[in-house]
Amino acid sequence: MLSCPYAEVLWSESRRRFRDTVPVFTNWPELVLWTSSSSNAASSHLRMMVVQALFYNIWKQRNNMLHNQALVPPTATFREIDRHIISSIYAFRKRKKFTNLMARWLI
């Protein structure tokens, strides 16, 4: 989830979306600490959405390889992640804590 070549491409694409520096995670505690923290550029809500979408899609591609011997290119998977995050933000647009998330995600 953190360091396979496929996951590294997805994490790299995600890092480019954040205005903050996103570390390269080498272990779970680092990831959990980053996910639960906030900054002006990336709230913990946005970080959690991104981590959830990344993990789900990495897991889905892993299963796709195991069961179908097929792999979707990571750039195509990131487009799916991007759409998922945008849809999630849009679904919560009227909740106060989700204001400005779209602007933070769509640089």
PDB file of N, CA and C in Angstrom:
ATOM      1  N   MET A   1       0.810  -1.207   0.000  1.00  0.00           N
ATOM      2  CA  MET A   1       0.000   0.000   0.000  1.00  0.00           C
ATOM      3  C   MET A   1       0.853   1.271   0.000  1.00  0.00           C
ATOM      4  N   LEU A   2       2.070   1.147   0.476  1.00  0.00           N
ATOM      5  CA  LEU A   2       2.899   2.339   0.583  1.00  0.00           C
ATOM      6  C   LEU A   2       4.060   2.373  -0.406  1.00  0.00           C
ATOM      7  N   SER A   3       4.608   1.216  -0.758  1.00  0.00           N
ATOM      8  CA  SER A   3       5.875   1.280  -1.484  1.00  0.00           C
ATOM      9  C   SER A   3       5.985   0.422  -2.740  1.00  0.00           C
ATOM     10  N   CYS A   4       4.949  -0.283  -3.149  1.00  0.00           N
ATOM     11  CA  CYS A   4       5.075  -1.014  -4.415  1.00  0.00           C
ATOM     12  C   CYS A   4       5.119   0.010  -5.550  1.00  0.00           C
ATOM     13  N   PRO A   5       5.702  -0.334  -6.688  1.00  0.00           N
ATOM     14  CA  PRO A   5       5.814   0.639  -7.791  1.00  0.00           C
ATOM     15  C   PRO A   5       4.470   1.233  -8.225  1.00  0.00           C
ATOM     16  N   TYR A   6       3.427   0.423  -8.250  1.00  0.00           N
ATOM     17  CA  TYR A   6       2.107   0.919  -8.642  1.00  0.00           C
ATOM     18  C   TYR A   6       1.613   1.967  -7.645  1.00  0.00           C
ATOM     19  N   ALA A   7       1.724   1.652  -6.362  1.00  0.00           N
ATOM     20  CA  ALA A   7       1.291   2.576  -5.317  1.00  0.00           C
ATOM     21  C   ALA A   7       2.128   3.852  -5.335  1.00  0.00           C
ATOM     22  N   GLU A   8       3.405   3.723  -5.616  1.00  0.00           N
ATOM     23  CA  GLU A   8       4.277   4.902  -5.650  1.00  0.00           C
ATOM     24  C   GLU A   8       3.832   5.904  -6.707  1.00  0.00           C
ATOM     25  N   VAL A   9       3.368   5.425  -7.850  1.00  0.00           N
ATOM     26  CA  VAL A   9       2.864   6.332  -8.899  1.00  0.00           C
ATOM     27  C   VAL A   9       1.617   7.054  -8.397  1.00  0.00           C
ATOM     28  N   LEU A  10       0.706   6.318  -7.756  1.00  0.00           N
ATOM     29  CA  LEU A  10      -0.525   6.935  -7.243  1.00  0.00           C
ATOM     30  C   LEU A  10      -0.218   7.944  -6.141  1.00  0.00           C
ATOM     31  N   TRP A  11       0.685   7.609  -5.238  1.00  0.00           N
ATOM     32  CA  TRP A  11       1.073   8.550  -4.191  1.00  0.00           C
ATOM     33  C   TRP A  11       1.728   9.784  -4.798  1.00  0.00           C
ATOM     34  N   SER A  12       2.552   9.599  -5.808  1.00  0.00           N
ATOM     35  CA  SER A  12       3.208  10.730  -6.462  1.00  0.00           C
ATOM     36  C   SER A  12       2.183  11.676  -7.085  1.00  0.00           C
ATOM     37  N   GLU A  13       1.197  11.120  -7.772  1.00  0.00           N
ATOM     38  CA  GLU A  13       0.136  11.949  -8.362  1.00  0.00           C
ATOM     39  C   GLU A  13      -0.637  12.689  -7.268  1.00  0.00           C
ATOM     40  N   SER A  14      -0.894  12.026  -6.160  1.00  0.00           N
ATOM     41  CA  SER A  14      -1.613  12.664  -5.048  1.00  0.00           C
ATOM     42  C   SER A  14      -0.795  13.786  -4.441  1.00  0.00           C
ATOM     43  N   ARG A  15       0.495  13.570  -4.292  1.00  0.00           N
ATOM     44  CA  ARG A  15       1.371  14.608  -3.728  1.00  0.00           C
ATOM     45  C   ARG A  15       1.330  15.881  -4.560  1.00  0.00           C
ATOM     46  N   ARG A  16       1.236  15.712  -5.871  1.00  0.00           N
ATOM     47  CA  ARG A  16       1.199  16.886  -6.754  1.00  0.00           C
ATOM     48  C   ARG A  16      -0.062  17.710  -6.542  1.00  0.00           C
ATOM     49  N   ARG A  17      -1.131  17.114  -6.047  1.00  0.00           N
ATOM     50  CA  ARG A  17      -2.390  17.817  -5.828  1.00  0.00           C
ATOM     51  C   ARG A  17      -2.402  18.660  -4.558  1.00  0.00           C
ATOM     52  N   PHE A  18      -1.611  18.282  -3.580  1.00  0.00           N
ATOM     53  CA  PHE A  18      -1.589  19.010  -2.315  1.00  0.00           C
ATOM     54  C   PHE A  18      -0.625  20.188  -2.401  1.00  0.00           C
ATOM     55  N   ARG A  19      -1.024  21.296  -1.810  1.00  0.00           N
ATOM     56  CA  ARG A  19      -0.122  22.454  -1.766  1.00  0.00           C
ATOM     57  C   ARG A  19       0.923  22.279  -0.677  1.00  0.00           C
ATOM     58  N   ASP A  20       0.632  21.426   0.278  1.00  0.00           N
ATOM     59  CA  ASP A  20       1.582  21.094   1.333  1.00  0.00           C
ATOM     60  C   ASP A  20       2.563  20.038   0.847  1.00  0.00           C
ATOM     61  N   THR A  21       3.648  19.915   1.575  1.00  0.00           N
ATOM     62  CA  THR A  21       4.568  18.830   1.310  1.00  0.00           C
ATOM     63  C   THR A  21       3.992  17.561   1.909  1.00  0.00           C
ATOM     64  N   VAL A  22       3.881  16.551   1.096  1.00  0.00           N
ATOM     65  CA  VAL A  22       3.407  15.250   1.555  1.00  0.00           C
ATOM     66  C   VAL A  22       4.626  14.347   1.623  1.00  0.00           C
ATOM     67  N   PRO A  23       4.918  13.815   2.808  1.00  0.00           N
ATOM     68  CA  PRO A  23       6.113  12.975   2.924  1.00  0.00           C
ATOM     69  C   PRO A  23       5.961  11.658   2.179  1.00  0.00           C
ATOM     70  N   VAL A  24       7.084  11.026   1.940  1.00  0.00           N
ATOM     71  CA  VAL A  24       7.075   9.656   1.433  1.00  0.00           C
ATOM     72  C   VAL A  24       6.973   8.772   2.657  1.00  0.00           C
ATOM     73  N   PHE A  25       5.895   8.030   2.746  1.00  0.00           N
ATOM     74  CA  PHE A  25       5.641   7.233   3.943  1.00  0.00           C
ATOM     75  C   PHE A  25       6.407   5.918   3.879  1.00  0.00           C
ATOM     76  N   THR A  26       7.085   5.604   4.971  1.00  0.00           N
ATOM     77  CA  THR A  26       7.826   4.345   5.036  1.00  0.00           C
ATOM     78  C   THR A  26       7.185   3.359   6.001  1.00  0.00           C
ATOM     79  N   ASN A  27       6.233   3.856   6.803  1.00  0.00           N
ATOM     80  CA  ASN A  27       5.542   2.954   7.732  1.00  0.00           C
ATOM     81  C   ASN A  27       4.154   3.507   8.045  1.00  0.00           C
ATOM     82  N   TRP A  28       3.328   2.636   8.636  1.00  0.00           N
ATOM     83  CA  TRP A  28       1.940   3.002   8.939  1.00  0.00           C
ATOM     84  C   TRP A  28       1.807   4.141   9.942  1.00  0.00           C
ATOM     85  N   PRO A  29       2.593   4.160  11.029  1.00  0.00           N
ATOM     86  CA  PRO A  29       2.434   5.274  11.982  1.00  0.00           C
ATOM     87  C   PRO A  29       2.648   6.648  11.347  1.00  0.00           C
ATOM     88  N   GLU A  30       3.603   6.759  10.419  1.00  0.00           N
ATOM     89  CA  GLU A  30       3.816   8.036   9.728  1.00  0.00           C
ATOM     90  C   GLU A  30       2.574   8.429   8.925  1.00  0.00           C
ATOM     91  N   LEU A  31       2.008   7.462   8.244  1.00  0.00           N
ATOM     92  CA  LEU A  31       0.810   7.724   7.441  1.00  0.00           C
ATOM     93  C   LEU A  31      -0.361   8.130   8.323  1.00  0.00           C
ATOM     94  N   VAL A  32      -0.574   7.421   9.411  1.00  0.00           N
ATOM     95  CA  VAL A  32      -1.687   7.729  10.316  1.00  0.00           C
ATOM     96  C   VAL A  32      -1.518   9.123  10.909  1.00  0.00           C
ATOM     97  N   LEU A  33      -0.309   9.456  11.317  1.00  0.00           N
ATOM     98  CA  LEU A  33      -0.044  10.784  11.889  1.00  0.00           C
ATOM     99  C   LEU A  33      -0.320  11.877  10.858  1.00  0.00           C
ATOM    100  N   TRP A  34       0.150  11.701   9.631  1.00  0.00           N
ATOM    101  CA  TRP A  34      -0.086  12.694   8.584  1.00  0.00           C
ATOM    102  C   TRP A  34      -1.576  12.811   8.266  1.00  0.00           C
ATOM    103  N   THR A  35      -2.262  11.677   8.175  1.00  0.00           N
ATOM    104  CA  THR A  35      -3.676  11.670   7.820  1.00  0.00           C
ATOM    105  C   THR A  35      -4.518  12.385   8.859  1.00  0.00           C
ATOM    106  N   SER A  36      -4.178  12.235  10.122  1.00  0.00           N
ATOM    107  CA  SER A  36      -4.986  12.825  11.189  1.00  0.00           C
ATOM    108  C   SER A  36      -4.641  14.283  11.468  1.00  0.00           C
ATOM    109  N   SER A  37      -3.573  14.794  10.880  1.00  0.00           N
ATOM    110  CA  SER A  37      -3.208  16.189  11.101  1.00  0.00           C
ATOM    111  C   SER A  37      -3.836  17.072  10.017  1.00  0.00           C
ATOM    112  N   SER A  38      -3.812  18.368  10.244  1.00  0.00           N
ATOM    113  CA  SER A  38      -4.364  19.331   9.288  1.00  0.00           C
ATOM    114  C   SER A  38      -3.368  20.449   9.041  1.00  0.00           C
ATOM    115  N   SER A  39      -3.561  21.105   7.923  1.00  0.00           N
ATOM    116  CA  SER A  39      -2.816  22.328   7.624  1.00  0.00           C
ATOM    117  C   SER A  39      -3.763  23.244   6.866  1.00  0.00           C
ATOM    118  N   ASN A  40      -3.325  24.450   6.586  1.00  0.00           N
ATOM    119  CA  ASN A  40      -4.169  25.373   5.825  1.00  0.00           C
ATOM    120  C   ASN A  40      -4.460  24.850   4.429  1.00  0.00           C
ATOM    121  N   ALA A  41      -3.521  24.139   3.847  1.00  0.00           N
ATOM    122  CA  ALA A  41      -3.681  23.662   2.475  1.00  0.00           C
ATOM    123  C   ALA A  41      -4.394  22.318   2.384  1.00  0.00           C
ATOM    124  N   ALA A  42      -4.333  21.520   3.435  1.00  0.00           N
ATOM    125  CA  ALA A  42      -4.938  20.180   3.360  1.00  0.00           C
ATOM    126  C   ALA A  42      -5.494  19.781   4.724  1.00  0.00           C
ATOM    127  N   SER A  43      -6.807  19.831   4.838  1.00  0.00           N
ATOM    128  CA  SER A  43      -7.439  19.449   6.099  1.00  0.00           C
ATOM    129  C   SER A  43      -7.356  17.935   6.288  1.00  0.00           C
ATOM    130  N   SER A  44      -7.581  17.504   7.510  1.00  0.00           N
ATOM    131  CA  SER A  44      -7.564  16.067   7.787  1.00  0.00           C
ATOM    132  C   SER A  44      -8.687  15.360   7.029  1.00  0.00           C
ATOM    133  N   HIS A  45      -9.795  16.050   6.768  1.00  0.00           N
ATOM    134  CA  HIS A  45     -10.898  15.445   6.007  1.00  0.00           C
ATOM    135  C   HIS A  45     -10.453  15.126   4.574  1.00  0.00           C
ATOM    136  N   LEU A  46      -9.774  16.074   3.956  1.00  0.00           N
ATOM    137  CA  LEU A  46      -9.291  15.849   2.601  1.00  0.00           C
ATOM    138  C   LEU A  46      -8.222  14.760   2.589  1.00  0.00           C
ATOM    139  N   ARG A  47      -7.324  14.800   3.545  1.00  0.00           N
ATOM    140  CA  ARG A  47      -6.285  13.772   3.625  1.00  0.00           C
ATOM    141  C   ARG A  47      -6.908  12.392   3.784  1.00  0.00           C
ATOM    142  N   MET A  48      -7.926  12.283   4.630  1.00  0.00           N
ATOM    143  CA  MET A  48      -8.577  10.994   4.842  1.00  0.00           C
ATOM    144  C   MET A  48      -9.264  10.511   3.568  1.00  0.00           C
ATOM    145  N   MET A  49      -9.904  11.413   2.835  1.00  0.00           N
ATOM    146  CA  MET A  49     -10.544  11.030   1.575  1.00  0.00           C
ATOM    147  C   MET A  49      -9.515  10.482   0.585  1.00  0.00           C
ATOM    148  N   VAL A  50      -8.391  11.157   0.502  1.00  0.00           N
ATOM    149  CA  VAL A  50      -7.353  10.744  -0.439  1.00  0.00           C
ATOM    150  C   VAL A  50      -6.776   9.386  -0.045  1.00  0.00           C
ATOM    151  N   VAL A  51      -6.455   9.217   1.217  1.00  0.00           N
ATOM    152  CA  VAL A  51      -5.899   7.941   1.679  1.00  0.00           C
ATOM    153  C   VAL A  51      -6.887   6.809   1.446  1.00  0.00           C
ATOM    154  N   GLN A  52      -8.149   7.036   1.761  1.00  0.00           N
ATOM    155  CA  GLN A  52      -9.168   6.005   1.560  1.00  0.00           C
ATOM    156  C   GLN A  52      -9.278   5.644   0.082  1.00  0.00           C
ATOM    157  N   ALA A  53      -9.314   6.634  -0.783  1.00  0.00           N
ATOM    158  CA  ALA A  53      -9.444   6.373  -2.222  1.00  0.00           C
ATOM    159  C   ALA A  53      -8.208   5.649  -2.761  1.00  0.00           C
ATOM    160  N   LEU A  54      -7.038   6.043  -2.293  1.00  0.00           N
ATOM    161  CA  LEU A  54      -5.813   5.374  -2.735  1.00  0.00           C
ATOM    162  C   LEU A  54      -5.802   3.911  -2.302  1.00  0.00           C
ATOM    163  N   PHE A  55      -6.087   3.664  -1.041  1.00  0.00           N
ATOM    164  CA  PHE A  55      -6.050   2.286  -0.543  1.00  0.00           C
ATOM    165  C   PHE A  55      -7.069   1.406  -1.251  1.00  0.00           C
ATOM    166  N   TYR A  56      -8.265   1.917  -1.433  1.00  0.00           N
ATOM    167  CA  TYR A  56      -9.294   1.134  -2.105  1.00  0.00           C
ATOM    168  C   TYR A  56      -8.857   0.764  -3.526  1.00  0.00           C
ATOM    169  N   ASN A  57      -8.329   1.733  -4.251  1.00  0.00           N
ATOM    170  CA  ASN A  57      -7.939   1.482  -5.636  1.00  0.00           C
ATOM    171  C   ASN A  57      -6.691   0.619  -5.752  1.00  0.00           C
ATOM    172  N   ILE A  58      -5.759   0.744  -4.834  1.00  0.00           N
ATOM    173  CA  ILE A  58      -4.590  -0.145  -4.830  1.00  0.00           C
ATOM    174  C   ILE A  58      -5.039  -1.575  -4.556  1.00  0.00           C
ATOM    175  N   TRP A  59      -5.926  -1.745  -3.579  1.00  0.00           N
ATOM    176  CA  TRP A  59      -6.458  -3.067  -3.254  1.00  0.00           C
ATOM    177  C   TRP A  59      -7.207  -3.649  -4.452  1.00  0.00           C
ATOM    178  N   LYS A  60      -8.015  -2.814  -5.119  1.00  0.00           N
ATOM    179  CA  LYS A  60      -8.786  -3.258  -6.278  1.00  0.00           C
ATOM    180  C   LYS A  60      -7.862  -3.716  -7.417  1.00  0.00           C
ATOM    181  N   GLN A  61      -6.786  -2.984  -7.647  1.00  0.00           N
ATOM    182  CA  GLN A  61      -5.852  -3.365  -8.701  1.00  0.00           C
ATOM    183  C   GLN A  61      -5.064  -4.623  -8.332  1.00  0.00           C
ATOM    184  N   ARG A  62      -4.767  -4.774  -7.063  1.00  0.00           N
ATOM    185  CA  ARG A  62      -4.111  -6.000  -6.601  1.00  0.00           C
ATOM    186  C   ARG A  62      -4.991  -7.208  -6.917  1.00  0.00           C
ATOM    187  N   ASN A  63      -6.269  -7.104  -6.573  1.00  0.00           N
ATOM    188  CA  ASN A  63      -7.195  -8.198  -6.849  1.00  0.00           C
ATOM    189  C   ASN A  63      -7.373  -8.415  -8.353  1.00  0.00           C
ATOM    190  N   ASN A  64      -7.380  -7.358  -9.109  1.00  0.00           N
ATOM    191  CA  ASN A  64      -7.489  -7.468 -10.558  1.00  0.00           C
ATOM    192  C   ASN A  64      -6.309  -8.260 -11.125  1.00  0.00           C
ATOM    193  N   MET A  65      -5.123  -8.004 -10.598  1.00  0.00           N
ATOM    194  CA  MET A  65      -3.940  -8.755 -11.041  1.00  0.00           C
ATOM    195  C   MET A  65      -4.030 -10.220 -10.627  1.00  0.00           C
ATOM    196  N   LEU A  66      -4.419 -10.469  -9.401  1.00  0.00           N
ATOM    197  CA  LEU A  66      -4.487 -11.847  -8.904  1.00  0.00           C
ATOM    198  C   LEU A  66      -5.537 -12.686  -9.620  1.00  0.00           C
ATOM    199  N   HIS A  67      -6.695 -12.122  -9.863  1.00  0.00           N
ATOM    200  CA  HIS A  67      -7.811 -12.895 -10.387  1.00  0.00           C
ATOM    201  C   HIS A  67      -7.971 -12.819 -11.903  1.00  0.00           C
ATOM    202  N   ASN A  68      -7.544 -11.716 -12.509  1.00  0.00           N
ATOM    203  CA  ASN A  68      -7.749 -11.523 -13.950  1.00  0.00           C
ATOM    204  C   ASN A  68      -6.449 -11.375 -14.732  1.00  0.00           C
ATOM    205  N   GLN A  69      -5.327 -11.330 -14.034  1.00  0.00           N
ATOM    206  CA  GLN A  69      -4.020 -11.110 -14.667  1.00  0.00           C
ATOM    207  C   GLN A  69      -4.043  -9.884 -15.576  1.00  0.00           C
ATOM    208  N   ALA A  70      -4.730  -8.845 -15.119  1.00  0.00           N
ATOM    209  CA  ALA A  70      -4.832  -7.596 -15.873  1.00  0.00           C
ATOM    210  C   ALA A  70      -4.555  -6.430 -14.923  1.00  0.00           C
ATOM    211  N   LEU A  71      -3.926  -5.418 -15.457  1.00  0.00           N
ATOM    212  CA  LEU A  71      -3.600  -4.248 -14.642  1.00  0.00           C
ATOM    213  C   LEU A  71      -3.968  -2.985 -15.402  1.00  0.00           C
ATOM    214  N   VAL A  72      -4.749  -2.147 -14.763  1.00  0.00           N
ATOM    215  CA  VAL A  72      -5.099  -0.843 -15.325  1.00  0.00           C
ATOM    216  C   VAL A  72      -3.901   0.078 -15.083  1.00  0.00           C
ATOM    217  N   PRO A  73      -3.496   0.880 -16.061  1.00  0.00           N
ATOM    218  CA  PRO A  73      -2.370   1.788 -15.848  1.00  0.00           C
ATOM    219  C   PRO A  73      -2.634   2.721 -14.658  1.00  0.00           C
ATOM    220  N   PRO A  74      -1.592   3.020 -13.877  1.00  0.00           N
ATOM    221  CA  PRO A  74      -1.800   3.866 -12.695  1.00  0.00           C
ATOM    222  C   PRO A  74      -2.362   5.251 -13.014  1.00  0.00           C
ATOM    223  N   THR A  75      -2.048   5.789 -14.175  1.00  0.00           N
ATOM    224  CA  THR A  75      -2.611   7.107 -14.525  1.00  0.00           C
ATOM    225  C   THR A  75      -4.125   7.023 -14.696  1.00  0.00           C
ATOM    226  N   ALA A  76      -4.610   5.926 -15.259  1.00  0.00           N
ATOM    227  CA  ALA A  76      -6.058   5.732 -15.395  1.00  0.00           C
ATOM    228  C   ALA A  76      -6.692   5.530 -14.025  1.00  0.00           C
ATOM    229  N   THR A  77      -6.020   4.812 -13.162  1.00  0.00           N
ATOM    230  CA  THR A  77      -6.522   4.617 -11.801  1.00  0.00           C
ATOM    231  C   THR A  77      -6.569   5.937 -11.063  1.00  0.00           C
ATOM    232  N   PHE A  78      -5.564   6.793 -11.266  1.00  0.00           N
ATOM    233  CA  PHE A  78      -5.591   8.082 -10.576  1.00  0.00           C
ATOM    234  C   PHE A  78      -6.738   8.949 -11.070  1.00  0.00           C
ATOM    235  N   ARG A  79      -7.074   8.869 -12.327  1.00  0.00           N
ATOM    236  CA  ARG A  79      -8.246   9.619 -12.817  1.00  0.00           C
ATOM    237  C   ARG A  79      -9.506   9.157 -12.090  1.00  0.00           C
ATOM    238  N   GLU A  80      -9.611   7.855 -11.848  1.00  0.00           N
ATOM    239  CA  GLU A  80     -10.747   7.321 -11.094  1.00  0.00           C
ATOM    240  C   GLU A  80     -10.724   7.831  -9.645  1.00  0.00           C
ATOM    241  N   ILE A  81      -9.555   7.864  -9.049  1.00  0.00           N
ATOM    242  CA  ILE A  81      -9.409   8.390  -7.688  1.00  0.00           C
ATOM    243  C   ILE A  81      -9.820   9.855  -7.650  1.00  0.00           C
ATOM    244  N   ASP A  82      -9.354  10.612  -8.619  1.00  0.00           N
ATOM    245  CA  ASP A  82      -9.677  12.031  -8.708  1.00  0.00           C
ATOM    246  C   ASP A  82     -11.189  12.243  -8.794  1.00  0.00           C
ATOM    247  N   ARG A  83     -11.850  11.481  -9.657  1.00  0.00           N
ATOM    248  CA  ARG A  83     -13.313  11.596  -9.785  1.00  0.00           C
ATOM    249  C   ARG A  83     -14.008  11.219  -8.480  1.00  0.00           C
ATOM    250  N   HIS A  84     -13.506  10.198  -7.806  1.00  0.00           N
ATOM    251  CA  HIS A  84     -14.092   9.769  -6.536  1.00  0.00           C
ATOM    252  C   HIS A  84     -13.985  10.880  -5.484  1.00  0.00           C
ATOM    253  N   ILE A  85     -12.839  11.495  -5.391  1.00  0.00           N
ATOM    254  CA  ILE A  85     -12.637  12.560  -4.401  1.00  0.00           C
ATOM    255  C   ILE A  85     -13.518  13.758  -4.730  1.00  0.00           C
ATOM    256  N   ILE A  86     -13.580  14.145  -5.987  1.00  0.00           N
ATOM    257  CA  ILE A  86     -14.430  15.273  -6.391  1.00  0.00           C
ATOM    258  C   ILE A  86     -15.893  14.970  -6.076  1.00  0.00           C
ATOM    259  N   SER A  87     -16.344  13.766  -6.367  1.00  0.00           N
ATOM    260  CA  SER A  87     -17.728  13.380  -6.067  1.00  0.00           C
ATOM    261  C   SER A  87     -17.996  13.393  -4.568  1.00  0.00           C
ATOM    262  N   SER A  88     -17.033  12.916  -3.784  1.00  0.00           N
ATOM    263  CA  SER A  88     -17.194  12.910  -2.325  1.00  0.00           C
ATOM    264  C   SER A  88     -17.287  14.325  -1.778  1.00  0.00           C
ATOM    265  N   ILE A  89     -16.440  15.197  -2.261  1.00  0.00           N
ATOM    266  CA  ILE A  89     -16.473  16.596  -1.808  1.00  0.00           C
ATOM    267  C   ILE A  89     -17.811  17.221  -2.200  1.00  0.00           C
ATOM    268  N   TYR A  90     -18.229  16.972  -3.418  1.00  0.00           N
ATOM    269  CA  TYR A  90     -19.489  17.542  -3.883  1.00  0.00           C
ATOM    270  C   TYR A  90     -20.672  17.045  -3.043  1.00  0.00           C
ATOM    271  N   ALA A  91     -20.639  15.789  -2.640  1.00  0.00           N
ATOM    272  CA  ALA A  91     -21.726  15.213  -1.840  1.00  0.00           C
ATOM    273  C   ALA A  91     -21.845  15.886  -0.476  1.00  0.00           C
ATOM    274  N   PHE A  92     -20.737  16.374   0.053  1.00  0.00           N
ATOM    275  CA  PHE A  92     -20.732  16.995   1.378  1.00  0.00           C
ATOM    276  C   PHE A  92     -20.628  18.514   1.314  1.00  0.00           C
ATOM    277  N   ARG A  93     -20.922  19.096   0.161  1.00  0.00           N
ATOM    278  CA  ARG A  93     -20.681  20.527  -0.051  1.00  0.00           C
ATOM    279  C   ARG A  93     -21.423  21.447   0.913  1.00  0.00           C
ATOM    280  N   LYS A  94     -22.535  21.023   1.481  1.00  0.00           N
ATOM    281  CA  LYS A  94     -23.317  21.901   2.355  1.00  0.00           C
ATOM    282  C   LYS A  94     -22.894  21.805   3.817  1.00  0.00           C
ATOM    283  N   ARG A  95     -21.996  20.899   4.129  1.00  0.00           N
ATOM    284  CA  ARG A  95     -21.515  20.792   5.499  1.00  0.00           C
ATOM    285  C   ARG A  95     -20.368  21.764   5.700  1.00  0.00           C
ATOM    286  N   LYS A  96     -20.420  22.502   6.769  1.00  0.00           N
ATOM    287  CA  LYS A  96     -19.460  23.571   7.004  1.00  0.00           C
ATOM    288  C   LYS A  96     -18.009  23.093   6.971  1.00  0.00           C
ATOM    289  N   LYS A  97     -17.747  21.935   7.581  1.00  0.00           N
ATOM    290  CA  LYS A  97     -16.358  21.480   7.654  1.00  0.00           C
ATOM    291  C   LYS A  97     -15.790  21.061   6.296  1.00  0.00           C
ATOM    292  N   PHE A  98     -16.646  20.950   5.280  1.00  0.00           N
ATOM    293  CA  PHE A  98     -16.183  20.558   3.961  1.00  0.00           C
ATOM    294  C   PHE A  98     -16.076  21.733   2.994  1.00  0.00           C
ATOM    295  N   THR A  99     -16.299  22.953   3.494  1.00  0.00           N
ATOM    296  CA  THR A  99     -16.180  24.119   2.621  1.00  0.00           C
ATOM    297  C   THR A  99     -14.728  24.276   2.188  1.00  0.00           C
ATOM    298  N   ASN A 100     -14.547  24.693   0.996  1.00  0.00           N
ATOM    299  CA  ASN A 100     -13.237  24.942   0.387  1.00  0.00           C
ATOM    300  C   ASN A 100     -12.420  23.688   0.089  1.00  0.00           C
ATOM    301  N   LEU A 101     -12.949  22.498   0.334  1.00  0.00           N
ATOM    302  CA  LEU A 101     -12.186  21.295   0.007  1.00  0.00           C
ATOM    303  C   LEU A 101     -11.965  21.167  -1.494  1.00  0.00           C
ATOM    304  N   MET A 102     -12.968  21.544  -2.272  1.00  0.00           N
ATOM    305  CA  MET A 102     -12.829  21.433  -3.726  1.00  0.00           C
ATOM    306  C   MET A 102     -11.694  22.316  -4.209  1.00  0.00           C
ATOM    307  N   ALA A 103     -11.618  23.523  -3.713  1.00  0.00           N
ATOM    308  CA  ALA A 103     -10.544  24.427  -4.110  1.00  0.00           C
ATOM    309  C   ALA A 103      -9.179  23.893  -3.663  1.00  0.00           C
ATOM    310  N   ARG A 104      -9.157  23.227  -2.533  1.00  0.00           N
ATOM    311  CA  ARG A 104      -7.896  22.659  -2.042  1.00  0.00           C
ATOM    312  C   ARG A 104      -7.460  21.455  -2.873  1.00  0.00           C
ATOM    313  N   TRP A 105      -8.428  20.697  -3.374  1.00  0.00           N
ATOM    314  CA  TRP A 105      -8.072  19.524  -4.179  1.00  0.00           C
ATOM    315  C   TRP A 105      -7.770  19.896  -5.631  1.00  0.00           C
ATOM    316  N   LEU A 106      -8.565  20.806  -6.198  1.00  0.00           N
ATOM    317  CA  LEU A 106      -8.374  21.210  -7.595  1.00  0.00           C
ATOM    318  C   LEU A 106      -7.468  22.422  -7.646  1.00  0.00           C
ATOM    319  N   ILE A 107      -6.231  22.224  -7.679  1.00  0.00           N
ATOM    320  CA  ILE A 107      -5.243  23.315  -7.645  1.00  0.00           C
ATOM    321  C   ILE A 107      -5.352  24.184  -8.860  1.00  0.00           C
TER     322      ILE A 107
END
